[in-house]
N, C-alpha and C. Protein backbone atom coordinates (compact mmCIF):
# COMPACT_ATOMS: atom_id res chain seq x y z
N PRO A 1 0.82 -1.21 0.00
CA PRO A 1 0.00 0.00 0.00
C PRO A 1 0.86 1.27 0.00
N ASP A 2 0.25 2.38 -0.42
CA ASP A 2 0.96 3.67 -0.45
C ASP A 2 1.33 4.15 0.93
N SER A 3 0.51 3.78 1.92
CA SER A 3 0.80 4.16 3.30
C SER A 3 0.15 3.13 4.22
N ILE A 4 0.68 3.05 5.42
CA ILE A 4 0.11 2.16 6.43
C ILE A 4 0.51 2.68 7.80
N ASP A 5 -0.37 2.49 8.76
CA ASP A 5 -0.07 2.83 10.15
C ASP A 5 -0.70 1.74 11.01
N TRP A 6 0.13 0.82 11.49
CA TRP A 6 -0.38 -0.31 12.26
C TRP A 6 -1.07 0.12 13.54
N ARG A 7 -0.77 1.31 14.04
CA ARG A 7 -1.44 1.80 15.25
C ARG A 7 -2.91 2.04 14.98
N LYS A 8 -3.26 2.35 13.72
CA LYS A 8 -4.64 2.68 13.37
C LYS A 8 -5.40 1.51 12.75
N LYS A 9 -4.70 0.41 12.45
CA LYS A 9 -5.35 -0.74 11.81
C LYS A 9 -6.08 -1.63 12.82
N GLY A 10 -5.78 -1.46 14.08
CA GLY A 10 -6.37 -2.32 15.11
C GLY A 10 -5.50 -2.26 16.35
N ASN A 11 -5.72 -3.18 17.26
CA ASN A 11 -4.96 -3.22 18.51
C ASN A 11 -3.69 -4.05 18.30
N TYR A 12 -2.75 -3.47 17.51
CA TYR A 12 -1.57 -4.22 17.09
C TYR A 12 -0.24 -3.66 17.60
N VAL A 13 -0.27 -2.52 18.27
CA VAL A 13 0.97 -1.90 18.74
C VAL A 13 0.82 -1.56 20.22
N THR A 14 1.73 -2.04 21.03
CA THR A 14 1.67 -1.74 22.47
C THR A 14 1.99 -0.26 22.70
N PRO A 15 1.56 0.27 23.85
CA PRO A 15 1.90 1.67 24.17
C PRO A 15 3.42 1.87 24.20
N VAL A 16 3.84 3.10 23.96
CA VAL A 16 5.26 3.44 24.00
C VAL A 16 5.79 3.20 25.41
N LYS A 17 6.95 2.57 25.48
CA LYS A 17 7.61 2.27 26.75
C LYS A 17 8.83 3.18 26.90
N ASN A 18 9.46 3.11 28.06
CA ASN A 18 10.62 3.97 28.32
C ASN A 18 11.80 3.13 28.80
N GLN A 19 12.88 3.14 28.03
CA GLN A 19 14.06 2.35 28.39
C GLN A 19 14.83 2.94 29.56
N GLY A 20 14.57 4.20 29.90
CA GLY A 20 15.26 4.83 31.01
C GLY A 20 16.75 4.97 30.76
N PRO A 21 17.56 4.96 31.83
CA PRO A 21 19.00 5.21 31.69
C PRO A 21 19.81 3.97 31.30
N CYS A 22 19.22 3.07 30.56
CA CYS A 22 19.84 1.81 30.16
C CYS A 22 19.88 1.77 28.64
N GLY A 23 21.02 1.39 28.05
CA GLY A 23 21.15 1.32 26.59
C GLY A 23 20.50 0.08 26.01
N SER A 24 19.21 -0.06 26.26
CA SER A 24 18.47 -1.27 25.90
C SER A 24 17.47 -1.05 24.77
N CYS A 25 17.67 -0.04 23.95
CA CYS A 25 16.75 0.22 22.84
C CYS A 25 16.54 -1.03 21.99
N TRP A 26 17.59 -1.82 21.83
CA TRP A 26 17.53 -3.04 21.02
C TRP A 26 16.49 -4.02 21.56
N THR A 27 16.28 -4.05 22.88
CA THR A 27 15.28 -4.96 23.45
C THR A 27 13.87 -4.46 23.16
N PHE A 28 13.66 -3.14 23.22
CA PHE A 28 12.34 -2.57 22.96
C PHE A 28 11.96 -2.68 21.48
N SER A 29 12.94 -2.51 20.61
CA SER A 29 12.71 -2.69 19.18
C SER A 29 12.28 -4.14 18.90
N THR A 30 12.97 -5.07 19.55
CA THR A 30 12.68 -6.49 19.37
C THR A 30 11.31 -6.87 19.92
N THR A 31 11.04 -6.51 21.18
CA THR A 31 9.75 -6.89 21.77
C THR A 31 8.60 -6.20 21.05
N GLY A 32 8.80 -4.95 20.64
CA GLY A 32 7.74 -4.24 19.90
C GLY A 32 7.36 -4.96 18.63
N CYS A 33 8.36 -5.43 17.91
CA CYS A 33 8.12 -6.17 16.67
C CYS A 33 7.38 -7.47 16.96
N LEU A 34 7.85 -8.21 17.95
CA LEU A 34 7.23 -9.50 18.29
C LEU A 34 5.83 -9.31 18.86
N GLU A 35 5.63 -8.28 19.68
CA GLU A 35 4.30 -7.98 20.22
C GLU A 35 3.31 -7.75 19.09
N SER A 36 3.72 -6.96 18.10
CA SER A 36 2.84 -6.66 16.97
C SER A 36 2.59 -7.88 16.10
N ALA A 37 3.63 -8.65 15.82
CA ALA A 37 3.47 -9.85 14.99
C ALA A 37 2.49 -10.83 15.64
N ILE A 38 2.60 -11.00 16.96
CA ILE A 38 1.68 -11.89 17.68
C ILE A 38 0.26 -11.34 17.64
N ALA A 39 0.11 -10.04 17.85
CA ALA A 39 -1.23 -9.43 17.84
C ALA A 39 -1.89 -9.57 16.47
N ILE A 40 -1.12 -9.38 15.41
CA ILE A 40 -1.65 -9.50 14.05
C ILE A 40 -2.06 -10.95 13.78
N ALA A 41 -1.26 -11.90 14.26
CA ALA A 41 -1.55 -13.32 14.02
C ALA A 41 -2.66 -13.88 14.89
N THR A 42 -2.77 -13.41 16.14
CA THR A 42 -3.70 -14.04 17.09
C THR A 42 -4.81 -13.14 17.60
N GLY A 43 -4.66 -11.83 17.42
CA GLY A 43 -5.62 -10.90 18.00
C GLY A 43 -5.34 -10.56 19.45
N LYS A 44 -4.27 -11.13 20.03
CA LYS A 44 -3.91 -10.86 21.43
C LYS A 44 -2.69 -9.96 21.48
N LEU A 45 -2.83 -8.79 22.12
CA LEU A 45 -1.71 -7.87 22.28
C LEU A 45 -1.06 -8.11 23.64
N LEU A 46 0.15 -8.65 23.62
CA LEU A 46 0.89 -8.97 24.83
C LEU A 46 1.99 -7.94 25.06
N SER A 47 2.35 -7.72 26.31
CA SER A 47 3.51 -6.88 26.63
C SER A 47 4.64 -7.83 27.04
N LEU A 48 5.73 -7.81 26.28
CA LEU A 48 6.80 -8.78 26.48
C LEU A 48 7.95 -8.21 27.30
N ALA A 49 8.79 -9.11 27.81
CA ALA A 49 9.83 -8.78 28.79
C ALA A 49 11.15 -8.34 28.17
N GLU A 50 11.32 -7.03 28.08
CA GLU A 50 12.61 -6.49 27.65
C GLU A 50 13.72 -6.89 28.61
N GLN A 51 13.39 -6.96 29.90
CA GLN A 51 14.41 -7.26 30.92
C GLN A 51 15.01 -8.65 30.71
N GLN A 52 14.22 -9.59 30.21
CA GLN A 52 14.77 -10.92 29.93
C GLN A 52 15.89 -10.81 28.90
N LEU A 53 15.69 -9.99 27.87
CA LEU A 53 16.73 -9.82 26.86
C LEU A 53 17.95 -9.13 27.45
N VAL A 54 17.73 -8.10 28.28
CA VAL A 54 18.85 -7.40 28.94
C VAL A 54 19.67 -8.40 29.76
N ASP A 55 18.99 -9.25 30.53
CA ASP A 55 19.66 -10.15 31.47
C ASP A 55 20.21 -11.43 30.85
N CYS A 56 19.59 -11.91 29.78
CA CYS A 56 19.85 -13.29 29.35
C CYS A 56 20.48 -13.47 27.97
N ALA A 57 20.54 -12.45 27.14
CA ALA A 57 20.91 -12.65 25.72
C ALA A 57 22.39 -12.39 25.42
N GLN A 58 23.26 -12.40 26.43
CA GLN A 58 24.67 -12.09 26.19
C GLN A 58 25.37 -13.09 25.27
N ALA A 59 24.99 -14.34 25.32
CA ALA A 59 25.63 -15.35 24.48
C ALA A 59 25.39 -15.08 23.00
N PHE A 60 24.46 -14.19 22.70
CA PHE A 60 24.14 -13.86 21.31
C PHE A 60 24.71 -12.49 20.94
N ASN A 61 25.86 -12.15 21.53
CA ASN A 61 26.58 -10.91 21.22
C ASN A 61 25.78 -9.66 21.56
N ASN A 62 24.99 -9.74 22.62
CA ASN A 62 24.29 -8.57 23.15
C ASN A 62 24.91 -8.24 24.50
N HIS A 63 24.76 -6.99 24.92
CA HIS A 63 25.48 -6.53 26.11
C HIS A 63 24.59 -5.79 27.09
N GLY A 64 23.36 -6.25 27.26
CA GLY A 64 22.47 -5.67 28.24
C GLY A 64 22.30 -4.18 28.06
N CYS A 65 22.54 -3.42 29.12
CA CYS A 65 22.38 -1.96 29.09
C CYS A 65 23.49 -1.26 28.31
N SER A 66 24.47 -2.01 27.83
CA SER A 66 25.54 -1.42 27.02
C SER A 66 25.31 -1.62 25.53
N GLY A 67 24.13 -2.11 25.15
CA GLY A 67 23.78 -2.21 23.74
C GLY A 67 23.63 -3.62 23.23
N GLY A 68 23.05 -3.72 22.06
CA GLY A 68 22.82 -5.00 21.42
C GLY A 68 22.15 -4.79 20.08
N LEU A 69 21.78 -5.89 19.45
CA LEU A 69 21.15 -5.83 18.13
C LEU A 69 19.84 -6.59 18.12
N PRO A 70 18.77 -6.00 17.56
CA PRO A 70 17.52 -6.74 17.44
C PRO A 70 17.69 -8.08 16.72
N SER A 71 18.49 -8.12 15.66
CA SER A 71 18.67 -9.38 14.93
C SER A 71 19.19 -10.48 15.85
N GLN A 72 20.12 -10.14 16.73
CA GLN A 72 20.67 -11.12 17.66
C GLN A 72 19.69 -11.44 18.78
N ALA A 73 18.87 -10.47 19.15
CA ALA A 73 17.85 -10.72 20.17
C ALA A 73 16.81 -11.72 19.65
N PHE A 74 16.43 -11.58 18.38
CA PHE A 74 15.49 -12.54 17.79
C PHE A 74 16.11 -13.94 17.77
N GLU A 75 17.40 -14.03 17.45
CA GLU A 75 18.08 -15.33 17.45
C GLU A 75 18.06 -15.93 18.86
N TYR A 76 18.30 -15.10 19.87
CA TYR A 76 18.23 -15.57 21.26
C TYR A 76 16.85 -16.16 21.55
N ILE A 77 15.79 -15.43 21.20
CA ILE A 77 14.43 -15.90 21.49
C ILE A 77 14.16 -17.21 20.75
N LEU A 78 14.61 -17.29 19.49
CA LEU A 78 14.42 -18.49 18.68
C LEU A 78 15.10 -19.69 19.33
N TYR A 79 16.37 -19.56 19.68
CA TYR A 79 17.12 -20.69 20.22
C TYR A 79 16.85 -20.94 21.70
N ASN A 80 16.45 -19.91 22.42
CA ASN A 80 16.15 -20.05 23.84
C ASN A 80 14.76 -20.63 24.07
N ARG A 81 13.96 -20.65 23.04
CA ARG A 81 12.59 -21.17 23.07
C ARG A 81 11.66 -20.33 23.93
N GLY A 82 11.70 -19.02 23.73
CA GLY A 82 10.65 -18.22 24.31
C GLY A 82 11.07 -16.97 25.06
N LEU A 83 10.06 -16.12 25.23
CA LEU A 83 10.22 -14.86 25.94
C LEU A 83 9.06 -14.73 26.91
N MET A 84 9.36 -14.32 28.11
CA MET A 84 8.33 -14.15 29.14
C MET A 84 7.61 -12.82 28.95
N GLY A 85 6.53 -12.65 29.69
CA GLY A 85 5.78 -11.40 29.65
C GLY A 85 6.35 -10.38 30.61
N GLU A 86 6.04 -9.12 30.32
CA GLU A 86 6.45 -8.00 31.18
C GLU A 86 5.94 -8.20 32.61
N ASP A 87 4.75 -8.79 32.74
CA ASP A 87 4.15 -8.97 34.07
C ASP A 87 4.93 -9.96 34.93
N THR A 88 5.55 -10.98 34.32
CA THR A 88 6.29 -11.97 35.10
C THR A 88 7.80 -11.71 35.12
N TYR A 89 8.27 -10.79 34.27
CA TYR A 89 9.70 -10.44 34.25
C TYR A 89 9.78 -8.94 34.00
N PRO A 90 9.45 -8.12 35.01
CA PRO A 90 9.33 -6.67 34.82
C PRO A 90 10.65 -5.97 34.49
N TYR A 91 10.52 -4.87 33.77
CA TYR A 91 11.68 -4.08 33.35
C TYR A 91 12.24 -3.28 34.52
N ARG A 92 13.59 -3.30 34.68
CA ARG A 92 14.24 -2.58 35.77
C ARG A 92 15.26 -1.55 35.29
N ALA A 93 15.54 -1.49 33.99
CA ALA A 93 16.49 -0.52 33.42
C ALA A 93 17.90 -0.66 33.98
N GLU A 94 18.30 -1.89 34.30
CA GLU A 94 19.67 -2.16 34.73
C GLU A 94 20.00 -3.61 34.44
N ASN A 95 21.28 -3.91 34.31
CA ASN A 95 21.70 -5.29 34.08
C ASN A 95 21.39 -6.13 35.31
N GLY A 96 21.01 -7.38 35.07
CA GLY A 96 20.70 -8.27 36.17
C GLY A 96 21.02 -9.71 35.83
N THR A 97 20.76 -10.60 36.76
CA THR A 97 20.97 -12.03 36.57
C THR A 97 19.78 -12.60 35.80
N CYS A 98 20.06 -13.51 34.89
CA CYS A 98 18.99 -14.11 34.08
C CYS A 98 18.05 -14.92 34.96
N LYS A 99 16.76 -14.59 34.87
CA LYS A 99 15.73 -15.28 35.66
C LYS A 99 14.68 -15.91 34.74
N PHE A 100 15.09 -16.31 33.55
CA PHE A 100 14.15 -16.90 32.59
C PHE A 100 13.59 -18.22 33.14
N GLN A 101 12.26 -18.35 33.05
CA GLN A 101 11.58 -19.58 33.43
C GLN A 101 10.82 -20.08 32.19
N PRO A 102 11.33 -21.12 31.54
CA PRO A 102 10.75 -21.58 30.27
C PRO A 102 9.24 -21.83 30.33
N GLU A 103 8.77 -22.34 31.47
CA GLU A 103 7.33 -22.65 31.58
C GLU A 103 6.47 -21.39 31.58
N LYS A 104 7.08 -20.23 31.79
CA LYS A 104 6.33 -18.97 31.80
C LYS A 104 6.49 -18.19 30.50
N ALA A 105 7.16 -18.77 29.51
CA ALA A 105 7.32 -18.10 28.21
C ALA A 105 5.96 -17.97 27.53
N ILE A 106 5.69 -16.80 26.96
CA ILE A 106 4.40 -16.56 26.29
C ILE A 106 4.57 -16.16 24.83
N ALA A 107 5.81 -15.93 24.39
CA ALA A 107 6.05 -15.55 23.00
C ALA A 107 7.21 -16.37 22.45
N PHE A 108 7.06 -16.78 21.20
CA PHE A 108 8.05 -17.65 20.57
C PHE A 108 8.34 -17.15 19.16
N VAL A 109 9.53 -17.45 18.69
CA VAL A 109 9.93 -17.08 17.33
C VAL A 109 10.17 -18.36 16.55
N ARG A 110 9.52 -18.47 15.39
CA ARG A 110 9.73 -19.63 14.53
C ARG A 110 10.75 -19.35 13.43
N ASP A 111 10.78 -18.09 12.99
CA ASP A 111 11.65 -17.73 11.88
C ASP A 111 11.98 -16.24 11.96
N VAL A 112 13.14 -15.88 11.50
CA VAL A 112 13.57 -14.49 11.48
C VAL A 112 14.01 -14.16 10.06
N ILE A 113 13.55 -13.04 9.55
CA ILE A 113 13.97 -12.59 8.23
C ILE A 113 14.70 -11.27 8.40
N ASN A 114 15.94 -11.24 7.95
CA ASN A 114 16.72 -10.00 7.99
C ASN A 114 16.62 -9.31 6.65
N ILE A 115 16.27 -8.04 6.68
CA ILE A 115 16.25 -7.23 5.47
C ILE A 115 17.64 -6.63 5.35
N THR A 116 18.27 -6.80 4.20
CA THR A 116 19.64 -6.33 4.07
C THR A 116 19.73 -4.82 4.15
N GLN A 117 20.87 -4.32 4.59
CA GLN A 117 21.04 -2.87 4.72
C GLN A 117 20.82 -2.19 3.39
N TYR A 118 20.29 -1.02 3.46
CA TYR A 118 19.97 -0.16 2.31
C TYR A 118 18.79 -0.67 1.48
N ASP A 119 18.12 -1.76 1.88
CA ASP A 119 16.98 -2.28 1.12
C ASP A 119 15.69 -1.67 1.66
N GLU A 120 15.51 -0.38 1.39
CA GLU A 120 14.33 0.31 1.91
C GLU A 120 13.05 -0.22 1.28
N ASP A 121 13.11 -0.64 0.01
CA ASP A 121 11.92 -1.23 -0.63
C ASP A 121 11.50 -2.51 0.08
N GLY A 122 12.48 -3.32 0.48
CA GLY A 122 12.18 -4.54 1.22
C GLY A 122 11.54 -4.24 2.56
N MET A 123 11.98 -3.17 3.18
CA MET A 123 11.41 -2.77 4.46
C MET A 123 9.98 -2.26 4.28
N VAL A 124 9.74 -1.47 3.23
CA VAL A 124 8.38 -1.00 2.93
C VAL A 124 7.46 -2.19 2.71
N GLU A 125 7.93 -3.17 1.95
CA GLU A 125 7.12 -4.36 1.68
C GLU A 125 6.83 -5.13 2.97
N ALA A 126 7.83 -5.30 3.82
CA ALA A 126 7.64 -6.03 5.07
C ALA A 126 6.65 -5.33 5.99
N VAL A 127 6.79 -4.02 6.15
CA VAL A 127 5.88 -3.26 7.02
C VAL A 127 4.48 -3.23 6.41
N GLY A 128 4.39 -3.05 5.09
CA GLY A 128 3.09 -2.95 4.43
C GLY A 128 2.32 -4.26 4.37
N LYS A 129 3.02 -5.37 4.20
CA LYS A 129 2.35 -6.66 4.00
C LYS A 129 2.31 -7.55 5.24
N HIS A 130 3.22 -7.32 6.20
CA HIS A 130 3.33 -8.28 7.30
C HIS A 130 3.12 -7.66 8.68
N ASN A 131 4.06 -6.87 9.14
CA ASN A 131 3.98 -6.33 10.50
C ASN A 131 5.04 -5.26 10.70
N PRO A 132 4.95 -4.50 11.80
CA PRO A 132 6.01 -3.55 12.12
C PRO A 132 7.38 -4.24 12.14
N VAL A 133 8.42 -3.47 11.83
CA VAL A 133 9.76 -4.02 11.64
C VAL A 133 10.78 -3.28 12.51
N SER A 134 11.66 -4.05 13.14
CA SER A 134 12.78 -3.48 13.91
C SER A 134 13.82 -2.95 12.94
N PHE A 135 14.37 -1.77 13.26
CA PHE A 135 15.50 -1.28 12.48
C PHE A 135 16.35 -0.36 13.34
N ALA A 136 17.55 -0.08 12.86
CA ALA A 136 18.48 0.77 13.60
C ALA A 136 19.03 1.85 12.68
N PHE A 137 19.43 2.96 13.29
CA PHE A 137 19.97 4.09 12.53
C PHE A 137 20.87 4.91 13.45
N GLU A 138 21.45 5.97 12.89
CA GLU A 138 22.31 6.84 13.69
C GLU A 138 21.50 7.98 14.29
N VAL A 139 21.52 8.06 15.61
CA VAL A 139 20.89 9.19 16.30
C VAL A 139 21.95 10.27 16.47
N THR A 140 21.60 11.48 16.05
CA THR A 140 22.46 12.64 16.27
C THR A 140 21.79 13.53 17.32
N SER A 141 22.51 14.52 17.80
CA SER A 141 22.01 15.32 18.92
C SER A 141 20.66 15.98 18.64
N ASN A 142 20.41 16.42 17.40
CA ASN A 142 19.13 17.10 17.17
C ASN A 142 17.94 16.15 17.20
N PHE A 143 18.16 14.86 17.04
CA PHE A 143 17.07 13.88 17.13
C PHE A 143 16.53 13.83 18.56
N MET A 144 17.39 14.05 19.53
CA MET A 144 16.98 14.03 20.94
C MET A 144 15.89 15.07 21.20
N HIS A 145 15.91 16.16 20.44
CA HIS A 145 14.98 17.28 20.67
C HIS A 145 13.81 17.28 19.69
N TYR A 146 13.66 16.20 18.92
CA TYR A 146 12.56 16.11 17.95
C TYR A 146 11.22 16.25 18.67
N ARG A 147 10.30 17.01 18.08
CA ARG A 147 8.98 17.20 18.66
C ARG A 147 7.86 16.76 17.72
N LYS A 148 7.93 17.18 16.44
CA LYS A 148 6.82 16.83 15.53
C LYS A 148 7.26 16.99 14.08
N GLY A 149 6.42 16.43 13.20
CA GLY A 149 6.65 16.56 11.77
C GLY A 149 7.59 15.50 11.23
N VAL A 150 7.96 15.65 9.96
CA VAL A 150 8.87 14.71 9.31
C VAL A 150 10.30 15.12 9.67
N TYR A 151 11.00 14.21 10.32
CA TYR A 151 12.39 14.46 10.73
C TYR A 151 13.33 14.01 9.63
N SER A 152 14.29 14.84 9.32
CA SER A 152 15.33 14.49 8.36
C SER A 152 16.63 15.14 8.80
N ASN A 153 17.72 14.43 8.66
CA ASN A 153 19.02 14.99 9.05
C ASN A 153 20.07 14.60 8.02
N PRO A 154 20.52 15.55 7.20
CA PRO A 154 21.54 15.24 6.20
C PRO A 154 22.90 14.89 6.81
N GLN A 155 23.08 15.17 8.11
CA GLN A 155 24.34 14.83 8.77
C GLN A 155 24.45 13.35 9.14
N CYS A 156 23.34 12.63 9.06
CA CYS A 156 23.38 11.21 9.41
C CYS A 156 24.33 10.46 8.48
N GLU A 157 25.12 9.59 9.06
CA GLU A 157 26.00 8.73 8.28
C GLU A 157 25.15 7.62 7.66
N HIS A 158 25.62 7.08 6.58
CA HIS A 158 24.89 6.00 5.91
C HIS A 158 25.69 4.70 5.94
N THR A 159 26.49 4.54 6.97
CA THR A 159 27.28 3.32 7.10
C THR A 159 26.87 2.60 8.39
N PRO A 160 26.84 1.27 8.34
CA PRO A 160 26.35 0.50 9.48
C PRO A 160 27.17 0.70 10.76
N ASP A 161 28.44 1.09 10.65
CA ASP A 161 29.24 1.24 11.87
C ASP A 161 28.84 2.47 12.68
N LYS A 162 28.02 3.35 12.12
CA LYS A 162 27.56 4.55 12.84
C LYS A 162 26.20 4.35 13.51
N VAL A 163 25.57 3.23 13.26
CA VAL A 163 24.26 2.94 13.83
C VAL A 163 24.37 2.89 15.35
N ASN A 164 23.45 3.59 16.05
CA ASN A 164 23.55 3.61 17.51
C ASN A 164 22.19 3.59 18.23
N HIS A 165 21.11 3.34 17.48
CA HIS A 165 19.81 3.31 18.14
C HIS A 165 18.85 2.42 17.35
N ALA A 166 18.11 1.57 18.06
CA ALA A 166 17.13 0.68 17.44
C ALA A 166 15.72 1.12 17.82
N VAL A 167 14.82 1.08 16.85
CA VAL A 167 13.43 1.51 17.02
C VAL A 167 12.53 0.55 16.25
N LEU A 168 11.24 0.89 16.16
CA LEU A 168 10.27 0.04 15.47
C LEU A 168 9.54 0.86 14.42
N ALA A 169 9.59 0.41 13.17
CA ALA A 169 8.82 1.05 12.10
C ALA A 169 7.40 0.49 12.17
N VAL A 170 6.42 1.34 12.56
CA VAL A 170 5.03 0.90 12.67
C VAL A 170 4.20 1.35 11.48
N GLY A 171 4.83 2.03 10.54
CA GLY A 171 4.12 2.47 9.34
C GLY A 171 4.99 3.36 8.49
N TYR A 172 4.39 3.83 7.40
CA TYR A 172 5.08 4.74 6.49
C TYR A 172 4.04 5.53 5.71
N GLY A 173 4.48 6.58 5.06
CA GLY A 173 3.58 7.40 4.25
C GLY A 173 4.37 8.41 3.46
N GLU A 174 3.67 9.45 3.01
CA GLU A 174 4.30 10.51 2.23
C GLU A 174 3.61 11.83 2.56
N GLU A 175 4.40 12.88 2.73
CA GLU A 175 3.86 14.21 3.02
C GLU A 175 4.53 15.22 2.09
N ASP A 176 3.73 15.89 1.28
CA ASP A 176 4.26 16.87 0.32
C ASP A 176 5.38 16.30 -0.53
N GLY A 177 5.20 15.05 -0.97
CA GLY A 177 6.19 14.40 -1.82
C GLY A 177 7.38 13.81 -1.09
N THR A 178 7.42 13.94 0.22
CA THR A 178 8.53 13.40 1.01
C THR A 178 8.09 12.12 1.70
N PRO A 179 8.71 10.98 1.36
CA PRO A 179 8.36 9.74 2.05
C PRO A 179 8.87 9.77 3.48
N PHE A 180 8.12 9.10 4.39
CA PHE A 180 8.54 9.07 5.80
C PHE A 180 8.16 7.73 6.43
N TRP A 181 8.85 7.43 7.53
CA TRP A 181 8.54 6.28 8.36
C TRP A 181 7.82 6.76 9.60
N ILE A 182 6.87 5.98 10.08
CA ILE A 182 6.24 6.22 11.38
C ILE A 182 6.97 5.30 12.36
N VAL A 183 7.60 5.90 13.36
CA VAL A 183 8.52 5.16 14.22
C VAL A 183 8.06 5.19 15.67
N LYS A 184 8.08 4.03 16.30
CA LYS A 184 7.84 3.92 17.74
C LYS A 184 9.21 3.87 18.42
N ASN A 185 9.48 4.85 19.26
CA ASN A 185 10.74 4.93 19.98
C ASN A 185 10.55 4.32 21.38
N SER A 186 11.62 4.31 22.17
CA SER A 186 11.54 3.74 23.52
C SER A 186 12.01 4.75 24.56
N TRP A 187 11.64 6.01 24.33
CA TRP A 187 12.02 7.09 25.26
C TRP A 187 10.80 7.66 25.97
N GLY A 188 9.74 6.87 26.08
CA GLY A 188 8.54 7.31 26.77
C GLY A 188 7.61 8.13 25.89
N PRO A 189 6.35 8.29 26.31
CA PRO A 189 5.33 8.96 25.48
C PRO A 189 5.49 10.48 25.38
N LEU A 190 6.35 11.09 26.19
CA LEU A 190 6.51 12.54 26.14
C LEU A 190 7.51 12.97 25.06
N TRP A 191 8.32 12.04 24.55
CA TRP A 191 9.28 12.36 23.50
C TRP A 191 8.56 12.42 22.15
N GLY A 192 8.93 13.37 21.31
CA GLY A 192 8.39 13.42 19.95
C GLY A 192 6.88 13.56 19.91
N MET A 193 6.27 12.85 18.98
CA MET A 193 4.81 12.87 18.81
C MET A 193 4.23 11.66 19.54
N ASP A 194 4.03 11.78 20.82
CA ASP A 194 3.52 10.70 21.68
C ASP A 194 4.44 9.48 21.68
N GLY A 195 5.72 9.73 21.55
CA GLY A 195 6.70 8.66 21.65
C GLY A 195 7.11 8.05 20.34
C-alpha cells in the first residue's frame, strides 16, 4: 500500500515504553516487533519482557544496558525457546541475573527474516504486508529534541558502523512528496509525537 499505520489498523501496537537510563533500545525494538506480529496473528496484544533480553541474551553478542542488536535478540528468542511477559519479568532498566523460566514463556519465534542494509523497498514491503519491523539508525544530537513533523538529518551517516539506536517502524507514508517512516521509539510517550 501507499501508506500504512499499524497503530490505526487495530490493537496491534503496544503503548510506547521507556528504556530509562539503560542502553536497551535493542530490546524494545525487538519486543515491539514481536508484540505486533503476535497481535496480528492471534488478535492478542501482549507486553513482552525487555528485561529478559537485557539479562539473558549475552551469548548472542548482546550486552544488556551497554547495547545489542535486534537481529541477535530474535536469534536468542528463537534458540532459547521463548520470551516471558512483562508482568512476570518486569523491566528494571539495569543489568541483572537471568531469571528466565521456560514454563512462563508466552512468546516464541519460529523464523527471522533479515532485510539487508539499504533495502528500503524490502522494508516498505515487510511493514506494508506483514507487521512492524525493527530497524536501527544513527541518532544525532538534534534527534533528541525532535517534537513533531517529518524528521530528516543530512548529517546522518549511511554506514552501518555509525548505527547507535534501534526503534520500530510501525508504518510509512508521504507528506508533500517526502516519504517518511512512522517510528515507535523507547524514550517514553513525552518524546516526539507521543513517543
